[in-house]
Each structure stands twice: as C-alpha cells, then as structure tokens.
Amino acid sequence: MKSSKAPRLPASSLEEFEQRVVTPRAGRTLIVGSQVYGDKEDRRARYPDVVGIDMLAGPGVDRVLDLEESLPDDLGLFDHVECMSVLEHSRRPWLLAANIERLMAPGATLFVSVPFVWRIHGYPNDYWRLTPEGVRALFPEIEWTAVMLASHGLTEGPKFGSTKVGAHPYFARTETVAFGTRKPYTPTRAARPRRTSRQVDDEHRAAFGGGDAGGADA
C-alpha cells in the first residue's frame, strides 16, 4: 500500500541540489568542518561509518586537524567527502583542496558548497568567495557531475538573477554547489610524484603573483 504522505519539499536550493544530484558513495565518509554551531545539523548522523574533522575542538568533531598542513599517516582514505561552508574560512584553500583529493579513494565522491554571495562571517575567519570555475580550479582531480549556483533556484550558467533595490542591483545569498567523483589513478597519474603542501603553495604563489615561489629547495 502506497503511503499517502507527500514527499518533503526541499527547504532551500542547496537542499534541492543535494536531493537531485548528490549520491554519496557507500563506505567511509569524511565531514570536513564538522563542528556543530547553534542549530547546525550534525551531518555525521547521516552516515554509518564517518569521521568529522575540524580546525577547532567542539561538538561534532572527532579529530582536530588543519587540512592546510601535512596529513597524518593514520587517517586513511575515504569513499565520500563533504566540504560544506568551509573553503571560505581557509586562508589557503588550494592546500585544503589538495589534501581532500589525497584523502579520496579512486571513485570516491565529493560534495562541496561555498558562498558566492554572502556577508562576511567568521568561524574563526572569512577569506574567500568562489565562483563555479573557482571550485573547478581548486579540485583538478575531480570529474564533476554538476557545478551550479544555488540561490532562489538552481542555475548552471554564469549569470543569475538580481533584484533592483532603488537604483542598485541586489543579489540574494548565493552558494556555489558541486558534486563529483575522484578521477581514477591512471598509470601516468599514479607515477607522478605527490606534491607536498609547500609545493602546492609555491605553485599558487607563482601562478597568482604572490611573490617568490620559494623554490624546491626552500
């Protein structure tokens, strides 16, 4: 007998994206930025085998780790990773993203959300806003299923709606949301030496004019 209860409608465009697109791979799950603030959901409860990490100790945190630094040897690989409302708080998000890719098993899935339009907020600091192409650039080893903007609705294009407030355009709160899969380790990719966090940092400094890259021997 079919239930007469109607399916729950998504409360936001972010939730709509998750319902429509996100299909986590079963297995070990990593929640990046897992600390529970106020009425924030403890997303560890969604998964049977899960580790929550955060820069700061607190509710929802299984291990205190700074993913801008070298990874511990005992963390292992994961089949699904969530990184929601975290990248904007990382001083060097390219290092955090590179370490997330290192922690993903081949074929692992990744769910990312990060503000594109939103006020400054600090947990403990707030540095960045990212476009869809910014997210793609941070995670070169991910084959994306979808990268979208979530506001009053979901859009895949670079343009999204605004509202006139007086003589000025108003842009509502908007998140860049993305879901994808870790690319397989091809022989060429597997043979390539893994870059250290310092090497990744140096590459970004050189690419974006951040001064002397430091050199391999620095």
C-alpha atoms as a PDB file:
ATOM      1  CA  MET A   1       0.000   0.000   0.000  1.00  0.00           C
ATOM      2  CA  LYS A   2       1.439   3.349  -1.011  1.00  0.00           C
ATOM      3  CA  SER A   3       1.944   5.975   1.641  1.00  0.00           C
ATOM      4  CA  SER A   4      -0.369   8.983   1.374  1.00  0.00           C
ATOM      5  CA  LYS A   5       2.335  11.200   2.851  1.00  0.00           C
ATOM      6  CA  ALA A   6       3.690  13.621   0.256  1.00  0.00           C
ATOM      7  CA  PRO A   7       7.481  13.824  -0.145  1.00  0.00           C
ATOM      8  CA  ARG A   8       9.041  16.697   1.774  1.00  0.00           C
ATOM      9  CA  LEU A   9       9.887  19.664  -0.406  1.00  0.00           C
ATOM     10  CA  PRO A  10      13.445  20.998  -0.168  1.00  0.00           C
ATOM     11  CA  ALA A  11      13.797  23.922   2.223  1.00  0.00           C
ATOM     12  CA  SER A  12      16.436  25.645   0.083  1.00  0.00           C
ATOM     13  CA  SER A  13      18.149  25.482  -3.291  1.00  0.00           C
ATOM     14  CA  LEU A  14      21.145  23.864  -1.569  1.00  0.00           C
ATOM     15  CA  GLU A  15      18.888  21.108  -0.256  1.00  0.00           C
ATOM     16  CA  GLU A  16      17.263  20.802  -3.684  1.00  0.00           C
ATOM     17  CA  PHE A  17      20.706  20.293  -5.236  1.00  0.00           C
ATOM     18  CA  GLU A  18      21.501  17.635  -2.655  1.00  0.00           C
ATOM     19  CA  GLN A  19      18.247  15.789  -3.321  1.00  0.00           C
ATOM     20  CA  ARG A  20      18.584  15.982  -7.106  1.00  0.00           C
ATOM     21  CA  VAL A  21      22.297  15.468  -7.652  1.00  0.00           C
ATOM     22  CA  VAL A  22      24.227  14.185  -4.632  1.00  0.00           C
ATOM     23  CA  THR A  23      24.616  10.397  -4.476  1.00  0.00           C
ATOM     24  CA  PRO A  24      27.321   9.617  -1.912  1.00  0.00           C
ATOM     25  CA  ARG A  25      29.415   6.553  -2.490  1.00  0.00           C
ATOM     26  CA  ALA A  26      28.877   3.998   0.263  1.00  0.00           C
ATOM     27  CA  GLY A  27      31.746   3.395   2.672  1.00  0.00           C
ATOM     28  CA  ARG A  28      33.891   5.619   4.873  1.00  0.00           C
ATOM     29  CA  THR A  29      32.747   9.249   4.939  1.00  0.00           C
ATOM     30  CA  LEU A  30      34.732  12.333   5.894  1.00  0.00           C
ATOM     31  CA  ILE A  31      32.988  15.506   7.066  1.00  0.00           C
ATOM     32  CA  VAL A  32      35.359  18.477   6.689  1.00  0.00           C
ATOM     33  CA  GLY A  33      34.391  21.308   9.028  1.00  0.00           C
ATOM     34  CA  SER A  34      32.196  19.116  11.209  1.00  0.00           C
ATOM     35  CA  GLN A  35      31.872  21.306  14.299  1.00  0.00           C
ATOM     36  CA  VAL A  36      28.217  21.917  15.189  1.00  0.00           C
ATOM     37  CA  TYR A  37      27.339  25.561  15.837  1.00  0.00           C
ATOM     38  CA  GLY A  38      23.957  26.540  17.250  1.00  0.00           C
ATOM     39  CA  ASP A  39      21.205  24.789  15.276  1.00  0.00           C
ATOM     40  CA  LYS A  40      23.572  23.486  12.571  1.00  0.00           C
ATOM     41  CA  GLU A  41      22.918  19.845  11.686  1.00  0.00           C
ATOM     42  CA  ASP A  42      25.437  17.242  12.809  1.00  0.00           C
ATOM     43  CA  ARG A  43      25.812  15.640   9.385  1.00  0.00           C
ATOM     44  CA  ARG A  44      27.736  12.698  10.819  1.00  0.00           C
ATOM     45  CA  ALA A  45      24.342  11.266  11.757  1.00  0.00           C
ATOM     46  CA  ARG A  46      23.616  10.679   8.044  1.00  0.00           C
ATOM     47  CA  TYR A  47      26.376   8.099   7.651  1.00  0.00           C
ATOM     48  CA  PRO A  48      27.127   4.773   9.389  1.00  0.00           C
ATOM     49  CA  ASP A  49      30.927   4.984   9.074  1.00  0.00           C
ATOM     50  CA  VAL A  50      32.066   8.594   9.416  1.00  0.00           C
ATOM     51  CA  VAL A  51      34.847  10.810  10.730  1.00  0.00           C
ATOM     52  CA  GLY A  52      34.283  14.506  11.456  1.00  0.00           C
ATOM     53  CA  ILE A  53      37.303  16.816  11.381  1.00  0.00           C
ATOM     54  CA  ASP A  54      37.661  20.495  12.161  1.00  0.00           C
ATOM     55  CA  MET A  55      40.379  23.032  12.967  1.00  0.00           C
ATOM     56  CA  LEU A  56      38.778  23.603  16.374  1.00  0.00           C
ATOM     57  CA  ALA A  57      37.598  21.156  19.023  1.00  0.00           C
ATOM     58  CA  GLY A  58      33.897  21.114  19.806  1.00  0.00           C
ATOM     59  CA  PRO A  59      30.626  19.256  19.315  1.00  0.00           C
ATOM     60  CA  GLY A  60      30.617  17.098  16.205  1.00  0.00           C
ATOM     61  CA  VAL A  61      34.427  16.926  15.966  1.00  0.00           C
ATOM     62  CA  ASP A  62      36.135  13.522  16.092  1.00  0.00           C
ATOM     63  CA  ARG A  63      39.611  14.801  15.222  1.00  0.00           C
ATOM     64  CA  VAL A  64      41.126  18.274  15.319  1.00  0.00           C
ATOM     65  CA  LEU A  65      43.070  18.747  12.065  1.00  0.00           C
ATOM     66  CA  ASP A  66      44.183  21.660   9.920  1.00  0.00           C
ATOM     67  CA  LEU A  67      43.903  20.443   6.333  1.00  0.00           C
ATOM     68  CA  GLU A  68      46.247  23.186   5.155  1.00  0.00           C
ATOM     69  CA  GLU A  69      49.027  21.200   6.828  1.00  0.00           C
ATOM     70  CA  SER A  70      50.571  17.788   6.124  1.00  0.00           C
ATOM     71  CA  LEU A  71      48.202  14.884   6.649  1.00  0.00           C
ATOM     72  CA  PRO A  72      48.641  12.404   9.500  1.00  0.00           C
ATOM     73  CA  ASP A  73      49.605   8.869   8.495  1.00  0.00           C
ATOM     74  CA  ASP A  74      46.677   7.194  10.244  1.00  0.00           C
ATOM     75  CA  LEU A  75      43.717   8.969   8.646  1.00  0.00           C
ATOM     76  CA  GLY A  76      43.347   6.610   5.686  1.00  0.00           C
ATOM     77  CA  LEU A  77      41.239   7.044   2.541  1.00  0.00           C
ATOM     78  CA  PHE A  78      37.553   7.840   2.242  1.00  0.00           C
ATOM     79  CA  ASP A  79      34.738   6.877  -0.131  1.00  0.00           C
ATOM     80  CA  HIS A  80      32.773  10.110   0.296  1.00  0.00           C
ATOM     81  CA  VAL A  81      33.798  13.594   1.458  1.00  0.00           C
ATOM     82  CA  GLU A  82      31.661  16.582   2.404  1.00  0.00           C
ATOM     83  CA  CYS A  83      33.147  20.073   2.473  1.00  0.00           C
ATOM     84  CA  MET A  84      30.275  22.458   3.176  1.00  0.00           C
ATOM     85  CA  SER A  85      30.787  26.129   4.094  1.00  0.00           C
ATOM     86  CA  VAL A  86      34.468  25.502   4.799  1.00  0.00           C
ATOM     87  CA  LEU A  87      36.574  26.751   1.877  1.00  0.00           C
ATOM     88  CA  GLU A  88      35.783  30.411   2.545  1.00  0.00           C
ATOM     89  CA  HIS A  89      37.300  30.068   6.027  1.00  0.00           C
ATOM     90  CA  SER A  90      40.585  28.573   4.817  1.00  0.00           C
ATOM     91  CA  ARG A  91      43.442  31.040   4.425  1.00  0.00           C
ATOM     92  CA  ARG A  92      44.980  28.815   1.725  1.00  0.00           C
ATOM     93  CA  PRO A  93      42.080  26.805   0.264  1.00  0.00           C
ATOM     94  CA  TRP A  94      44.250  25.338  -2.511  1.00  0.00           C
ATOM     95  CA  LEU A  95      46.161  23.396   0.174  1.00  0.00           C
ATOM     96  CA  LEU A  96      42.953  22.223   1.819  1.00  0.00           C
ATOM     97  CA  ALA A  97      41.545  21.123  -1.556  1.00  0.00           C
ATOM     98  CA  ALA A  98      44.743  19.241  -2.473  1.00  0.00           C
ATOM     99  CA  ASN A  99      44.617  17.355   0.832  1.00  0.00           C
ATOM    100  CA  ILE A 100      40.946  16.485   0.322  1.00  0.00           C
ATOM    101  CA  GLU A 101      41.858  14.936  -3.038  1.00  0.00           C
ATOM    102  CA  ARG A 102      44.675  12.991  -1.347  1.00  0.00           C
ATOM    103  CA  LEU A 103      42.186  11.571   1.153  1.00  0.00           C
ATOM    104  CA  MET A 104      39.779  10.335  -1.526  1.00  0.00           C
ATOM    105  CA  ALA A 105      39.945   6.760  -2.759  1.00  0.00           C
ATOM    106  CA  PRO A 106      39.635   6.289  -6.547  1.00  0.00           C
ATOM    107  CA  GLY A 107      35.967   6.697  -7.399  1.00  0.00           C
ATOM    108  CA  ALA A 108      35.174   8.478  -4.136  1.00  0.00           C
ATOM    109  CA  THR A 109      32.530  11.197  -4.261  1.00  0.00           C
ATOM    110  CA  LEU A 110      32.797  14.837  -3.144  1.00  0.00           C
ATOM    111  CA  PHE A 111      30.036  17.274  -2.143  1.00  0.00           C
ATOM    112  CA  VAL A 112      31.132  20.914  -1.907  1.00  0.00           C
ATOM    113  CA  SER A 113      29.264  24.083  -1.043  1.00  0.00           C
ATOM    114  CA  VAL A 114      30.842  27.522  -0.637  1.00  0.00           C
ATOM    115  CA  PRO A 115      29.412  31.061  -0.643  1.00  0.00           C
ATOM    116  CA  PHE A 116      29.494  33.111  -3.824  1.00  0.00           C
ATOM    117  CA  VAL A 117      27.382  35.995  -2.476  1.00  0.00           C
ATOM    118  CA  TRP A 118      27.135  36.328   1.293  1.00  0.00           C
ATOM    119  CA  ARG A 119      28.074  38.626   4.156  1.00  0.00           C
ATOM    120  CA  ILE A 120      31.397  38.373   5.977  1.00  0.00           C
ATOM    121  CA  HIS A 121      31.188  35.805   8.759  1.00  0.00           C
ATOM    122  CA  GLY A 122      33.962  34.342  10.873  1.00  0.00           C
ATOM    123  CA  TYR A 123      34.428  30.786  12.135  1.00  0.00           C
ATOM    124  CA  PRO A 124      37.024  31.939  13.109  1.00  0.00           C
ATOM    125  CA  ASN A 125      37.907  33.912   9.912  1.00  0.00           C
ATOM    126  CA  ASP A 126      36.397  34.542   6.483  1.00  0.00           C
ATOM    127  CA  TYR A 127      38.635  34.986   3.417  1.00  0.00           C
ATOM    128  CA  TRP A 128      37.062  33.934   0.113  1.00  0.00           C
ATOM    129  CA  ARG A 129      34.044  33.748  -2.209  1.00  0.00           C
ATOM    130  CA  LEU A 130      34.158  31.237  -5.054  1.00  0.00           C
ATOM    131  CA  THR A 131      32.561  31.007  -8.492  1.00  0.00           C
ATOM    132  CA  PRO A 132      31.819  27.616 -10.084  1.00  0.00           C
ATOM    133  CA  GLU A 133      35.049  27.916 -12.084  1.00  0.00           C
ATOM    134  CA  GLY A 134      36.901  28.674  -8.856  1.00  0.00           C
ATOM    135  CA  VAL A 135      35.704  25.380  -7.384  1.00  0.00           C
ATOM    136  CA  ARG A 136      36.709  23.523 -10.548  1.00  0.00           C
ATOM    137  CA  ALA A 137      40.182  25.073 -10.390  1.00  0.00           C
ATOM    138  CA  LEU A 138      40.693  24.044  -6.758  1.00  0.00           C
ATOM    139  CA  PHE A 139      39.872  20.379  -7.432  1.00  0.00           C
ATOM    140  CA  PRO A 140      41.570  19.317 -10.684  1.00  0.00           C
ATOM    141  CA  GLU A 141      41.317  15.595  -9.826  1.00  0.00           C
ATOM    142  CA  ILE A 142      37.504  15.640  -9.630  1.00  0.00           C
ATOM    143  CA  GLU A 143      35.205  14.680 -12.516  1.00  0.00           C
ATOM    144  CA  TRP A 144      32.208  16.901 -11.807  1.00  0.00           C
ATOM    145  CA  THR A 145      28.650  15.644 -12.206  1.00  0.00           C
ATOM    146  CA  ALA A 146      27.274  19.148 -11.615  1.00  0.00           C
ATOM    147  CA  VAL A 147      28.576  22.552 -10.519  1.00  0.00           C
ATOM    148  CA  MET A 148      25.800  25.087 -10.007  1.00  0.00           C
ATOM    149  CA  LEU A 149      24.768  28.307  -8.316  1.00  0.00           C
ATOM    150  CA  ALA A 150      22.093  27.942  -5.635  1.00  0.00           C
ATOM    151  CA  SER A 151      20.040  30.988  -4.680  1.00  0.00           C
ATOM    152  CA  HIS A 152      16.277  31.368  -5.198  1.00  0.00           C
ATOM    153  CA  GLY A 153      16.722  28.468  -7.615  1.00  0.00           C
ATOM    154  CA  LEU A 154      19.476  26.437  -9.243  1.00  0.00           C
ATOM    155  CA  THR A 155      21.312  27.637 -12.327  1.00  0.00           C
ATOM    156  CA  GLU A 156      24.180  26.145 -14.317  1.00  0.00           C
ATOM    157  CA  GLY A 157      25.084  29.277 -16.249  1.00  0.00           C
ATOM    158  CA  PRO A 158      27.444  32.078 -15.255  1.00  0.00           C
ATOM    159  CA  LYS A 159      24.568  34.549 -14.974  1.00  0.00           C
ATOM    160  CA  PHE A 160      21.928  34.589 -12.269  1.00  0.00           C
ATOM    161  CA  GLY A 161      19.116  36.922 -11.376  1.00  0.00           C
ATOM    162  CA  SER A 162      19.242  40.137  -9.402  1.00  0.00           C
ATOM    163  CA  THR A 163      16.578  42.446  -7.985  1.00  0.00           C
ATOM    164  CA  LYS A 164      16.558  46.223  -8.148  1.00  0.00           C
ATOM    165  CA  VAL A 165      16.588  47.914  -4.744  1.00  0.00           C
ATOM    166  CA  GLY A 166      16.240  51.599  -5.506  1.00  0.00           C
ATOM    167  CA  ALA A 167      18.805  52.287  -8.212  1.00  0.00           C
ATOM    168  CA  HIS A 168      21.058  49.377  -7.223  1.00  0.00           C
ATOM    169  CA  PRO A 169      21.026  45.686  -8.170  1.00  0.00           C
ATOM    170  CA  TYR A 170      20.574  43.333  -5.224  1.00  0.00           C
ATOM    171  CA  PHE A 171      21.976  39.811  -5.304  1.00  0.00           C
ATOM    172  CA  ALA A 172      20.451  37.347  -2.855  1.00  0.00           C
ATOM    173  CA  ARG A 173      22.579  34.935  -0.879  1.00  0.00           C
ATOM    174  CA  THR A 174      24.076  32.505  -3.378  1.00  0.00           C
ATOM    175  CA  GLU A 175      26.133  29.343  -2.892  1.00  0.00           C
ATOM    176  CA  THR A 176      28.342  27.539  -5.379  1.00  0.00           C
ATOM    177  CA  VAL A 177      27.403  23.873  -5.032  1.00  0.00           C
ATOM    178  CA  ALA A 178      29.175  20.939  -6.648  1.00  0.00           C
ATOM    179  CA  PHE A 179      29.193  17.162  -6.703  1.00  0.00           C
ATOM    180  CA  GLY A 180      31.688  14.903  -8.432  1.00  0.00           C
ATOM    181  CA  THR A 181      33.849  11.798  -8.386  1.00  0.00           C
ATOM    182  CA  ARG A 182      37.576  11.321  -7.821  1.00  0.00           C
ATOM    183  CA  LYS A 183      39.249  10.512 -11.113  1.00  0.00           C
ATOM    184  CA  PRO A 184      40.807   7.040 -11.353  1.00  0.00           C
ATOM    185  CA  TYR A 185      44.504   6.657 -10.782  1.00  0.00           C
ATOM    186  CA  THR A 186      45.822   6.208 -14.319  1.00  0.00           C
ATOM    187  CA  PRO A 187      49.374   4.866 -14.726  1.00  0.00           C
ATOM    188  CA  THR A 188      50.558   8.353 -15.696  1.00  0.00           C
ATOM    189  CA  ARG A 189      48.822   9.993 -12.758  1.00  0.00           C
ATOM    190  CA  ALA A 190      49.897   7.294 -10.291  1.00  0.00           C
ATOM    191  CA  ALA A 191      53.524   7.585 -11.389  1.00  0.00           C
ATOM    192  CA  ARG A 192      53.561  11.335 -10.848  1.00  0.00           C
ATOM    193  CA  PRO A 193      55.209  12.215  -7.511  1.00  0.00           C
ATOM    194  CA  ARG A 194      52.777  13.603  -4.968  1.00  0.00           C
ATOM    195  CA  ARG A 195      53.291  17.279  -4.356  1.00  0.00           C
ATOM    196  CA  THR A 196      53.818  18.408  -0.819  1.00  0.00           C
ATOM    197  CA  SER A 197      51.669  21.150   0.681  1.00  0.00           C
ATOM    198  CA  ARG A 198      54.644  23.501   0.315  1.00  0.00           C
ATOM    199  CA  GLN A 199      54.985  22.679  -3.391  1.00  0.00           C
ATOM    200  CA  VAL A 200      51.260  23.293  -3.985  1.00  0.00           C
ATOM    201  CA  ASP A 201      51.522  26.593  -2.100  1.00  0.00           C
ATOM    202  CA  ASP A 202      54.577  27.632  -4.139  1.00  0.00           C
ATOM    203  CA  GLU A 203      52.789  26.837  -7.417  1.00  0.00           C
ATOM    204  CA  HIS A 204      49.846  29.048  -6.482  1.00  0.00           C
ATOM    205  CA  ARG A 205      52.093  31.886  -5.370  1.00  0.00           C
ATOM    206  CA  ALA A 206      53.901  31.757  -8.713  1.00  0.00           C
ATOM    207  CA  ALA A 207      50.678  31.474 -10.732  1.00  0.00           C
ATOM    208  CA  PHE A 208      48.884  34.318  -8.996  1.00  0.00           C
ATOM    209  CA  GLY A 209      51.761  36.732  -8.477  1.00  0.00           C
ATOM    210  CA  GLY A 210      52.222  36.139  -4.769  1.00  0.00           C
ATOM    211  CA  GLY A 211      55.933  36.874  -4.856  1.00  0.00           C
ATOM    212  CA  ASP A 212      58.885  34.499  -4.903  1.00  0.00           C
ATOM    213  CA  ALA A 213      57.647  30.942  -5.121  1.00  0.00           C
ATOM    214  CA  GLY A 214      60.387  29.841  -2.800  1.00  0.00           C
ATOM    215  CA  GLY A 215      61.905  27.138  -4.983  1.00  0.00           C
ATOM    216  CA  ALA A 216      62.093  23.410  -4.454  1.00  0.00           C
ATOM    217  CA  ASP A 217      64.967  23.689  -2.029  1.00  0.00           C
ATOM    218  CA  ALA A 218      63.404  26.372   0.157  1.00  0.00           C
END
